């Protein structure tokens, strides 16, 4: 009976902690949206509108430069499906730099964990970019420019793999930016190095074997290949693995969370 009572008490504490954490995350997300977008014009819908405008303009530019299709894939659909996840990575990483110092005053509340700030900013960016992805997909399907997903589960799994890597990098770079102020200056330029290693504007099947092997060393490429395999189907060969990107991202996440704990010990909290 003692063991049963202990387990019940532990379960109740975990459930209560989870309820508190959900309320904290929800409150921080509302604060983030209000602070960034305010209450005027379309407000928080700018979370979706910004990446949507970027993807549309880049897609139109590629269509002018490369024509209607490339390797048998509609150019606009190909660019949109690659550019939106890449912009998610760029925006999420850039917004994680200097994150803790900017929100140090909120650390006065003991219910708020330092990792909550990273998770909230990532969730805001992820929701906005997925809304943009869904919106542009529905419009393009209606116009006959976008195929119906061949395997929706595989497509969503690709988003999850790509998002997991992005969140892991945010957890790593947020504390590193507190330890090295130089990172804040070079990060906006450095994230563009991600472009050739994101798989946004190429597919592994289009490359020579040596270049393909090098590209597949990048974890987010596997997520991108899964998204396109789920969208375009077996007509276009995709190369991806599941364990490798999850394992690499998990290792990055573990290092990032450890660094977050180290930074929390030295972060000046304002009452």
C-alpha atoms as a PDB file:
ATOM      1  CA  UNK A   1       0.000   0.000   0.000  1.00  0.00           C
ATOM      2  CA  UNK A   2       2.920   2.347   0.770  1.00  0.00           C
ATOM      3  CA  UNK A   3       4.352   1.860  -2.711  1.00  0.00           C
ATOM      4  CA  UNK A   4       0.954   2.422  -4.279  1.00  0.00           C
ATOM      5  CA  UNK A   5       0.452   5.608  -2.249  1.00  0.00           C
ATOM      6  CA  UNK A   6       3.909   6.895  -3.254  1.00  0.00           C
ATOM      7  CA  UNK A   7       3.262   6.206  -6.920  1.00  0.00           C
ATOM      8  CA  UNK A   8      -0.105   7.921  -6.693  1.00  0.00           C
ATOM      9  CA  UNK A   9       1.459  10.958  -5.011  1.00  0.00           C
ATOM     10  CA  UNK A  10       4.210  11.131  -7.647  1.00  0.00           C
ATOM     11  CA  UNK A  11       1.655  10.867 -10.439  1.00  0.00           C
ATOM     12  CA  UNK A  12      -0.418  13.661  -8.908  1.00  0.00           C
ATOM     13  CA  UNK A  13       2.660  15.901  -8.645  1.00  0.00           C
ATOM     14  CA  UNK A  14       3.598  15.239 -12.267  1.00  0.00           C
ATOM     15  CA  UNK A  15       0.057  15.971 -13.423  1.00  0.00           C
ATOM     16  CA  UNK A  16      -0.025  19.221 -11.442  1.00  0.00           C
ATOM     17  CA  UNK A  17       3.374  20.235 -12.807  1.00  0.00           C
ATOM     18  CA  UNK A  18       2.242  19.505 -16.354  1.00  0.00           C
ATOM     19  CA  UNK A  19      -0.885  21.663 -15.892  1.00  0.00           C
ATOM     20  CA  UNK A  20       1.205  24.553 -14.580  1.00  0.00           C
ATOM     21  CA  UNK A  21       3.687  24.204 -17.417  1.00  0.00           C
ATOM     22  CA  UNK A  22       0.943  24.250 -20.030  1.00  0.00           C
ATOM     23  CA  UNK A  23      -0.450  27.476 -18.575  1.00  0.00           C
ATOM     24  CA  UNK A  24       3.041  29.008 -18.519  1.00  0.00           C
ATOM     25  CA  UNK A  25       3.673  28.087 -22.164  1.00  0.00           C
ATOM     26  CA  UNK A  26       0.273  29.425 -23.231  1.00  0.00           C
ATOM     27  CA  UNK A  27       0.817  32.706 -21.348  1.00  0.00           C
ATOM     28  CA  UNK A  28       4.302  33.164 -22.797  1.00  0.00           C
ATOM     29  CA  UNK A  29       3.019  32.488 -26.313  1.00  0.00           C
ATOM     30  CA  UNK A  30       0.305  35.140 -25.935  1.00  0.00           C
ATOM     31  CA  UNK A  31       2.909  37.580 -24.613  1.00  0.00           C
ATOM     32  CA  UNK A  32       5.253  36.780 -27.499  1.00  0.00           C
ATOM     33  CA  UNK A  33       2.557  37.302 -30.125  1.00  0.00           C
ATOM     34  CA  UNK A  34       1.340  40.542 -28.553  1.00  0.00           C
ATOM     35  CA  UNK A  35       4.864  41.929 -28.172  1.00  0.00           C
ATOM     36  CA  UNK A  36       5.902  41.104 -31.732  1.00  0.00           C
ATOM     37  CA  UNK A  37       2.735  41.854 -33.673  1.00  0.00           C
ATOM     38  CA  UNK A  38       0.548  43.987 -31.408  1.00  0.00           C
ATOM     39  CA  UNK A  39      -3.223  44.132 -31.755  1.00  0.00           C
ATOM     40  CA  UNK A  40      -3.552  46.329 -34.845  1.00  0.00           C
ATOM     41  CA  UNK A  41      -3.953  45.364 -38.517  1.00  0.00           C
ATOM     42  CA  UNK A  42      -3.938  41.562 -38.841  1.00  0.00           C
ATOM     43  CA  UNK A  43      -2.031  41.050 -35.569  1.00  0.00           C
ATOM     44  CA  UNK A  44      -0.699  37.559 -35.016  1.00  0.00           C
ATOM     45  CA  UNK A  45      -1.632  36.503 -38.555  1.00  0.00           C
ATOM     46  CA  UNK A  46       1.660  38.119 -39.569  1.00  0.00           C
ATOM     47  CA  UNK A  47       3.216  34.914 -38.183  1.00  0.00           C
ATOM     48  CA  UNK A  48       1.791  33.224 -41.267  1.00  0.00           C
ATOM     49  CA  UNK A  49       1.884  36.187 -43.665  1.00  0.00           C
ATOM     50  CA  UNK A  50       5.631  36.863 -43.437  1.00  0.00           C
ATOM     51  CA  UNK A  51       6.880  33.406 -44.553  1.00  0.00           C
ATOM     52  CA  UNK A  52       4.001  33.173 -47.043  1.00  0.00           C
ATOM     53  CA  UNK A  53       5.065  36.379 -48.793  1.00  0.00           C
ATOM     54  CA  UNK A  54       8.712  35.288 -48.881  1.00  0.00           C
ATOM     55  CA  UNK A  55       7.872  31.850 -50.296  1.00  0.00           C
ATOM     56  CA  UNK A  56       5.545  33.305 -52.933  1.00  0.00           C
ATOM     57  CA  UNK A  57       8.100  35.846 -54.157  1.00  0.00           C
ATOM     58  CA  UNK A  58      10.942  33.303 -54.263  1.00  0.00           C
ATOM     59  CA  UNK A  59       8.695  30.794 -56.034  1.00  0.00           C
ATOM     60  CA  UNK A  60       7.744  33.359 -58.680  1.00  0.00           C
ATOM     61  CA  UNK A  61      11.405  34.298 -59.162  1.00  0.00           C
ATOM     62  CA  UNK A  62      12.384  30.646 -59.666  1.00  0.00           C
ATOM     63  CA  UNK A  63       9.545  30.150 -62.120  1.00  0.00           C
ATOM     64  CA  UNK A  64      10.804  33.094 -64.190  1.00  0.00           C
ATOM     65  CA  UNK A  65      14.387  31.805 -64.078  1.00  0.00           C
ATOM     66  CA  UNK A  66      13.804  28.046 -64.478  1.00  0.00           C
ATOM     67  CA  UNK A  67      10.480  27.754 -66.280  1.00  0.00           C
ATOM     68  CA  UNK A  68       7.372  25.836 -65.305  1.00  0.00           C
ATOM     69  CA  UNK A  69       9.026  22.597 -64.156  1.00  0.00           C
ATOM     70  CA  UNK A  70      12.393  21.144 -63.243  1.00  0.00           C
ATOM     71  CA  UNK A  71      13.150  17.399 -63.230  1.00  0.00           C
ATOM     72  CA  UNK A  72       9.439  16.836 -63.792  1.00  0.00           C
ATOM     73  CA  UNK A  73       8.374  18.801 -60.665  1.00  0.00           C
ATOM     74  CA  UNK A  74       6.419  22.036 -60.759  1.00  0.00           C
ATOM     75  CA  UNK A  75       8.973  24.721 -59.894  1.00  0.00           C
ATOM     76  CA  UNK A  76       6.608  26.777 -57.749  1.00  0.00           C
ATOM     77  CA  UNK A  77       5.559  23.737 -55.688  1.00  0.00           C
ATOM     78  CA  UNK A  78       9.164  22.571 -55.349  1.00  0.00           C
ATOM     79  CA  UNK A  79      10.443  25.955 -54.113  1.00  0.00           C
ATOM     80  CA  UNK A  80       7.521  26.564 -51.760  1.00  0.00           C
ATOM     81  CA  UNK A  81       7.902  23.171 -50.080  1.00  0.00           C
ATOM     82  CA  UNK A  82      11.621  23.742 -49.553  1.00  0.00           C
ATOM     83  CA  UNK A  83      11.759  27.433 -48.767  1.00  0.00           C
ATOM     84  CA  UNK A  84       9.167  27.517 -45.971  1.00  0.00           C
ATOM     85  CA  UNK A  85      10.946  24.936 -43.758  1.00  0.00           C
ATOM     86  CA  UNK A  86      14.272  26.673 -44.423  1.00  0.00           C
ATOM     87  CA  UNK A  87      12.805  30.059 -43.387  1.00  0.00           C
ATOM     88  CA  UNK A  88      11.459  28.364 -40.255  1.00  0.00           C
ATOM     89  CA  UNK A  89      15.012  27.347 -39.371  1.00  0.00           C
ATOM     90  CA  UNK A  90      16.430  30.796 -40.145  1.00  0.00           C
ATOM     91  CA  UNK A  91      13.805  32.739 -38.191  1.00  0.00           C
ATOM     92  CA  UNK A  92      13.740  30.374 -35.210  1.00  0.00           C
ATOM     93  CA  UNK A  93      17.536  30.354 -34.880  1.00  0.00           C
ATOM     94  CA  UNK A  94      17.874  34.120 -35.297  1.00  0.00           C
ATOM     95  CA  UNK A  95      15.202  34.766 -32.665  1.00  0.00           C
ATOM     96  CA  UNK A  96      16.879  32.427 -30.179  1.00  0.00           C
ATOM     97  CA  UNK A  97      20.034  34.567 -30.115  1.00  0.00           C
ATOM     98  CA  UNK A  98      20.121  36.805 -27.028  1.00  0.00           C
ATOM     99  CA  UNK A  99      16.834  35.311 -25.913  1.00  0.00           C
ATOM    100  CA  UNK A 100      17.598  34.765 -22.237  1.00  0.00           C
ATOM    101  CA  UNK A 101      18.939  38.217 -21.455  1.00  0.00           C
ATOM    102  CA  UNK A 102      15.937  39.819 -23.156  1.00  0.00           C
ATOM    103  CA  UNK A 103      13.556  37.836 -20.927  1.00  0.00           C
ATOM    104  CA  UNK A 104      15.631  37.784 -17.740  1.00  0.00           C
ATOM    105  CA  UNK A 105      13.011  39.774 -15.799  1.00  0.00           C
ATOM    106  CA  UNK A 106      10.495  36.945 -16.237  1.00  0.00           C
ATOM    107  CA  UNK A 107      12.844  34.497 -14.522  1.00  0.00           C
ATOM    108  CA  UNK A 108      11.751  36.071 -11.253  1.00  0.00           C
ATOM    109  CA  UNK A 109       8.721  33.756 -11.455  1.00  0.00           C
ATOM    110  CA  UNK A 110       9.841  30.323 -10.319  1.00  0.00           C
ATOM    111  CA  UNK A 111       7.224  28.547 -12.485  1.00  0.00           C
ATOM    112  CA  UNK A 112       9.017  29.747 -15.621  1.00  0.00           C
ATOM    113  CA  UNK A 113      11.906  27.586 -16.768  1.00  0.00           C
ATOM    114  CA  UNK A 114      14.691  28.957 -18.918  1.00  0.00           C
ATOM    115  CA  UNK A 115      13.935  26.356 -21.604  1.00  0.00           C
ATOM    116  CA  UNK A 116      10.379  27.693 -21.865  1.00  0.00           C
ATOM    117  CA  UNK A 117      11.589  30.770 -23.756  1.00  0.00           C
ATOM    118  CA  UNK A 118      13.241  28.626 -26.431  1.00  0.00           C
ATOM    119  CA  UNK A 119      10.208  26.365 -26.757  1.00  0.00           C
ATOM    120  CA  UNK A 120       7.766  29.283 -26.981  1.00  0.00           C
ATOM    121  CA  UNK A 121       9.641  31.109 -29.729  1.00  0.00           C
ATOM    122  CA  UNK A 122      10.094  27.900 -31.661  1.00  0.00           C
ATOM    123  CA  UNK A 123       6.387  27.036 -31.335  1.00  0.00           C
ATOM    124  CA  UNK A 124       5.327  30.496 -32.537  1.00  0.00           C
ATOM    125  CA  UNK A 125       7.571  30.223 -35.593  1.00  0.00           C
ATOM    126  CA  UNK A 126       6.584  26.602 -36.285  1.00  0.00           C
ATOM    127  CA  UNK A 127       2.849  27.320 -36.096  1.00  0.00           C
ATOM    128  CA  UNK A 128       3.187  30.323 -38.395  1.00  0.00           C
ATOM    129  CA  UNK A 129       5.235  28.486 -41.013  1.00  0.00           C
ATOM    130  CA  UNK A 130       2.998  25.415 -40.982  1.00  0.00           C
ATOM    131  CA  UNK A 131      -0.052  27.670 -41.411  1.00  0.00           C
ATOM    132  CA  UNK A 132       1.689  29.298 -44.385  1.00  0.00           C
ATOM    133  CA  UNK A 133       2.575  25.847 -45.782  1.00  0.00           C
ATOM    134  CA  UNK A 134      -1.050  24.696 -45.454  1.00  0.00           C
ATOM    135  CA  UNK A 135      -2.445  27.912 -46.941  1.00  0.00           C
ATOM    136  CA  UNK A 136      -0.164  27.968 -49.966  1.00  0.00           C
ATOM    137  CA  UNK A 137      -0.765  24.241 -50.494  1.00  0.00           C
ATOM    138  CA  UNK A 138      -4.574  24.637 -50.503  1.00  0.00           C
ATOM    139  CA  UNK A 139      -4.434  27.610 -52.887  1.00  0.00           C
ATOM    140  CA  UNK A 140      -2.007  25.889 -55.266  1.00  0.00           C
ATOM    141  CA  UNK A 141      -4.007  22.642 -55.257  1.00  0.00           C
ATOM    142  CA  UNK A 142      -7.072  24.693 -56.223  1.00  0.00           C
ATOM    143  CA  UNK A 143      -5.072  26.274 -59.072  1.00  0.00           C
ATOM    144  CA  UNK A 144      -3.717  22.910 -60.220  1.00  0.00           C
ATOM    145  CA  UNK A 145      -0.112  23.827 -59.391  1.00  0.00           C
ATOM    146  CA  UNK A 146       0.307  21.578 -56.358  1.00  0.00           C
ATOM    147  CA  UNK A 147      -0.271  17.812 -56.127  1.00  0.00           C
ATOM    148  CA  UNK A 148      -2.391  16.228 -53.452  1.00  0.00           C
ATOM    149  CA  UNK A 149      -0.048  14.653 -50.858  1.00  0.00           C
ATOM    150  CA  UNK A 150       0.829  11.071 -51.777  1.00  0.00           C
ATOM    151  CA  UNK A 151       1.529  10.097 -48.146  1.00  0.00           C
ATOM    152  CA  UNK A 152       0.392  12.703 -45.613  1.00  0.00           C
ATOM    153  CA  UNK A 153       1.847  10.780 -42.651  1.00  0.00           C
ATOM    154  CA  UNK A 154       5.316  10.702 -44.239  1.00  0.00           C
ATOM    155  CA  UNK A 155       5.039  14.398 -45.073  1.00  0.00           C
ATOM    156  CA  UNK A 156       4.173  15.276 -41.461  1.00  0.00           C
ATOM    157  CA  UNK A 157       6.957  13.000 -40.222  1.00  0.00           C
ATOM    158  CA  UNK A 158       9.366  14.986 -42.387  1.00  0.00           C
ATOM    159  CA  UNK A 159       8.142  18.215 -40.794  1.00  0.00           C
ATOM    160  CA  UNK A 160       8.656  16.651 -37.356  1.00  0.00           C
ATOM    161  CA  UNK A 161      12.240  15.608 -38.174  1.00  0.00           C
ATOM    162  CA  UNK A 162      13.043  19.045 -39.572  1.00  0.00           C
ATOM    163  CA  UNK A 163      11.370  20.770 -36.612  1.00  0.00           C
ATOM    164  CA  UNK A 164      13.204  18.573 -34.091  1.00  0.00           C
ATOM    165  CA  UNK A 165      16.548  19.568 -35.608  1.00  0.00           C
ATOM    166  CA  UNK A 166      15.541  23.253 -35.613  1.00  0.00           C
ATOM    167  CA  UNK A 167      14.475  23.126 -31.961  1.00  0.00           C
ATOM    168  CA  UNK A 168      17.736  21.368 -31.042  1.00  0.00           C
ATOM    169  CA  UNK A 169      19.776  24.102 -32.736  1.00  0.00           C
ATOM    170  CA  UNK A 170      17.755  26.786 -30.947  1.00  0.00           C
ATOM    171  CA  UNK A 171      18.448  25.098 -27.604  1.00  0.00           C
ATOM    172  CA  UNK A 172      22.155  25.052 -28.437  1.00  0.00           C
ATOM    173  CA  UNK A 173      22.544  28.560 -29.853  1.00  0.00           C
ATOM    174  CA  UNK A 174      20.415  30.376 -27.260  1.00  0.00           C
ATOM    175  CA  UNK A 175      22.825  29.681 -24.361  1.00  0.00           C
ATOM    176  CA  UNK A 176      25.891  29.989 -26.606  1.00  0.00           C
ATOM    177  CA  UNK A 177      24.807  33.521 -27.554  1.00  0.00           C
ATOM    178  CA  UNK A 178      24.789  34.420 -23.855  1.00  0.00           C
ATOM    179  CA  UNK A 179      28.302  33.022 -23.422  1.00  0.00           C
ATOM    180  CA  UNK A 180      29.675  34.700 -26.559  1.00  0.00           C
ATOM    181  CA  UNK A 181      28.291  38.125 -27.607  1.00  0.00           C
ATOM    182  CA  UNK A 182      30.105  37.757 -30.945  1.00  0.00           C
ATOM    183  CA  UNK A 183      27.629  35.040 -31.929  1.00  0.00           C
ATOM    184  CA  UNK A 184      24.804  37.582 -31.922  1.00  0.00           C
ATOM    185  CA  UNK A 185      26.619  39.596 -34.591  1.00  0.00           C
ATOM    186  CA  UNK A 186      27.594  36.770 -36.920  1.00  0.00           C
ATOM    187  CA  UNK A 187      24.491  34.574 -36.633  1.00  0.00           C
ATOM    188  CA  UNK A 188      22.259  36.446 -39.149  1.00  0.00           C
ATOM    189  CA  UNK A 189      24.913  35.877 -41.813  1.00  0.00           C
ATOM    190  CA  UNK A 190      25.908  32.395 -40.663  1.00  0.00           C
ATOM    191  CA  UNK A 191      22.407  30.934 -41.019  1.00  0.00           C
ATOM    192  CA  UNK A 192      22.611  31.461 -44.781  1.00  0.00           C
ATOM    193  CA  UNK A 193      25.282  28.751 -44.816  1.00  0.00           C
ATOM    194  CA  UNK A 194      22.358  26.452 -44.079  1.00  0.00           C
ATOM    195  CA  UNK A 195      20.926  27.033 -47.577  1.00  0.00           C
ATOM    196  CA  UNK A 196      23.054  24.462 -49.469  1.00  0.00           C
ATOM    197  CA  UNK A 197      22.802  21.966 -46.571  1.00  0.00           C
ATOM    198  CA  UNK A 198      19.046  22.201 -46.061  1.00  0.00           C
ATOM    199  CA  UNK A 199      17.928  20.448 -49.237  1.00  0.00           C
ATOM    200  CA  UNK A 200      15.585  23.358 -49.915  1.00  0.00           C
ATOM    201  CA  UNK A 201      16.558  23.890 -53.547  1.00  0.00           C
ATOM    202  CA  UNK A 202      17.730  20.443 -54.593  1.00  0.00           C
ATOM    203  CA  UNK A 203      16.891  16.775 -54.123  1.00  0.00           C
ATOM    204  CA  UNK A 204      19.456  14.128 -53.272  1.00  0.00           C
ATOM    205  CA  UNK A 205      18.508  12.087 -56.342  1.00  0.00           C
ATOM    206  CA  UNK A 206      19.632  14.923 -58.625  1.00  0.00           C
ATOM    207  CA  UNK A 207      23.211  14.831 -57.341  1.00  0.00           C
ATOM    208  CA  UNK A 208      26.202  12.629 -58.098  1.00  0.00           C
ATOM    209  CA  UNK A 209      26.770   9.836 -55.526  1.00  0.00           C
ATOM    210  CA  UNK A 210      29.648  11.655 -53.811  1.00  0.00           C
ATOM    211  CA  UNK A 211      27.760  14.935 -53.513  1.00  0.00           C
ATOM    212  CA  UNK A 212      24.653  13.058 -52.407  1.00  0.00           C
ATOM    213  CA  UNK A 213      26.531  11.317 -49.585  1.00  0.00           C
ATOM    214  CA  UNK A 214      27.890  14.669 -48.418  1.00  0.00           C
ATOM    215  CA  UNK A 215      24.466  16.294 -48.515  1.00  0.00           C
ATOM    216  CA  UNK A 216      22.898  13.451 -46.526  1.00  0.00           C
ATOM    217  CA  UNK A 217      25.341  14.112 -43.689  1.00  0.00           C
ATOM    218  CA  UNK A 218      23.137  17.118 -42.915  1.00  0.00           C
ATOM    219  CA  UNK A 219      20.258  16.007 -40.611  1.00  0.00           C
ATOM    220  CA  UNK A 220      17.590  18.435 -41.927  1.00  0.00           C
ATOM    221  CA  UNK A 221      18.027  17.091 -45.475  1.00  0.00           C
ATOM    222  CA  UNK A 222      16.434  13.838 -44.349  1.00  0.00           C
ATOM    223  CA  UNK A 223      13.392  15.726 -43.092  1.00  0.00           C
ATOM    224  CA  UNK A 224      13.163  17.651 -46.358  1.00  0.00           C
ATOM    225  CA  UNK A 225      13.434  14.462 -48.414  1.00  0.00           C
ATOM    226  CA  UNK A 226      10.680  12.868 -46.308  1.00  0.00           C
ATOM    227  CA  UNK A 227       8.412  15.880 -46.865  1.00  0.00           C
ATOM    228  CA  UNK A 228       8.890  15.726 -50.622  1.00  0.00           C
ATOM    229  CA  UNK A 229       8.519  11.951 -50.729  1.00  0.00           C
ATOM    230  CA  UNK A 230       5.229  12.325 -48.877  1.00  0.00           C
ATOM    231  CA  UNK A 231       4.111  15.064 -51.252  1.00  0.00           C
ATOM    232  CA  UNK A 232       5.323  13.967 -54.688  1.00  0.00           C
ATOM    233  CA  UNK A 233       5.278  10.202 -54.162  1.00  0.00           C
ATOM    234  CA  UNK A 234       7.541   7.468 -55.637  1.00  0.00           C
ATOM    235  CA  UNK A 235       7.721   9.169 -59.049  1.00  0.00           C
ATOM    236  CA  UNK A 236      10.662  11.153 -57.641  1.00  0.00           C
ATOM    237  CA  UNK A 237      13.194   9.084 -55.684  1.00  0.00           C
ATOM    238  CA  UNK A 238      13.938  10.320 -52.179  1.00  0.00           C
ATOM    239  CA  UNK A 239      16.877   9.425 -49.945  1.00  0.00           C
ATOM    240  CA  UNK A 240      16.368   9.605 -46.205  1.00  0.00           C
ATOM    241  CA  UNK A 241      16.899   7.817 -42.906  1.00  0.00           C
ATOM    242  CA  UNK A 242      14.983   8.243 -39.679  1.00  0.00           C
ATOM    243  CA  UNK A 243      17.363   7.237 -36.886  1.00  0.00           C
ATOM    244  CA  UNK A 244      20.337   9.341 -38.026  1.00  0.00           C
ATOM    245  CA  UNK A 245      18.703  12.819 -37.968  1.00  0.00           C
ATOM    246  CA  UNK A 246      16.809  12.043 -34.763  1.00  0.00           C
ATOM    247  CA  UNK A 247      19.981  10.816 -33.033  1.00  0.00           C
ATOM    248  CA  UNK A 248      22.112  13.784 -34.135  1.00  0.00           C
ATOM    249  CA  UNK A 249      19.403  16.261 -33.178  1.00  0.00           C
ATOM    250  CA  UNK A 250      18.954  14.494 -29.828  1.00  0.00           C
ATOM    251  CA  UNK A 251      22.678  14.822 -29.096  1.00  0.00           C
ATOM    252  CA  UNK A 252      22.591  18.530 -30.004  1.00  0.00           C
ATOM    253  CA  UNK A 253      19.515  18.960 -27.800  1.00  0.00           C
ATOM    254  CA  UNK A 254      21.222  17.289 -24.840  1.00  0.00           C
ATOM    255  CA  UNK A 255      24.239  19.601 -25.117  1.00  0.00           C
ATOM    256  CA  UNK A 256      21.953  22.608 -25.498  1.00  0.00           C
ATOM    257  CA  UNK A 257      19.880  21.768 -22.425  1.00  0.00           C
ATOM    258  CA  UNK A 258      23.059  21.294 -20.399  1.00  0.00           C
ATOM    259  CA  UNK A 259      24.303  24.706 -21.535  1.00  0.00           C
ATOM    260  CA  UNK A 260      20.916  26.226 -20.643  1.00  0.00           C
ATOM    261  CA  UNK A 261      21.379  24.992 -17.072  1.00  0.00           C
ATOM    262  CA  UNK A 262      24.858  26.480 -16.909  1.00  0.00           C
ATOM    263  CA  UNK A 263      23.638  29.845 -18.211  1.00  0.00           C
ATOM    264  CA  UNK A 264      20.716  29.862 -15.770  1.00  0.00           C
ATOM    265  CA  UNK A 265      23.112  29.755 -12.829  1.00  0.00           C
ATOM    266  CA  UNK A 266      24.829  32.950 -13.936  1.00  0.00           C
ATOM    267  CA  UNK A 267      21.840  34.819 -15.388  1.00  0.00           C
ATOM    268  CA  UNK A 268      21.021  38.025 -13.519  1.00  0.00           C
ATOM    269  CA  UNK A 269      17.348  37.936 -12.569  1.00  0.00           C
ATOM    270  CA  UNK A 270      15.599  41.258 -12.118  1.00  0.00           C
ATOM    271  CA  UNK A 271      12.811  41.422  -9.569  1.00  0.00           C
END
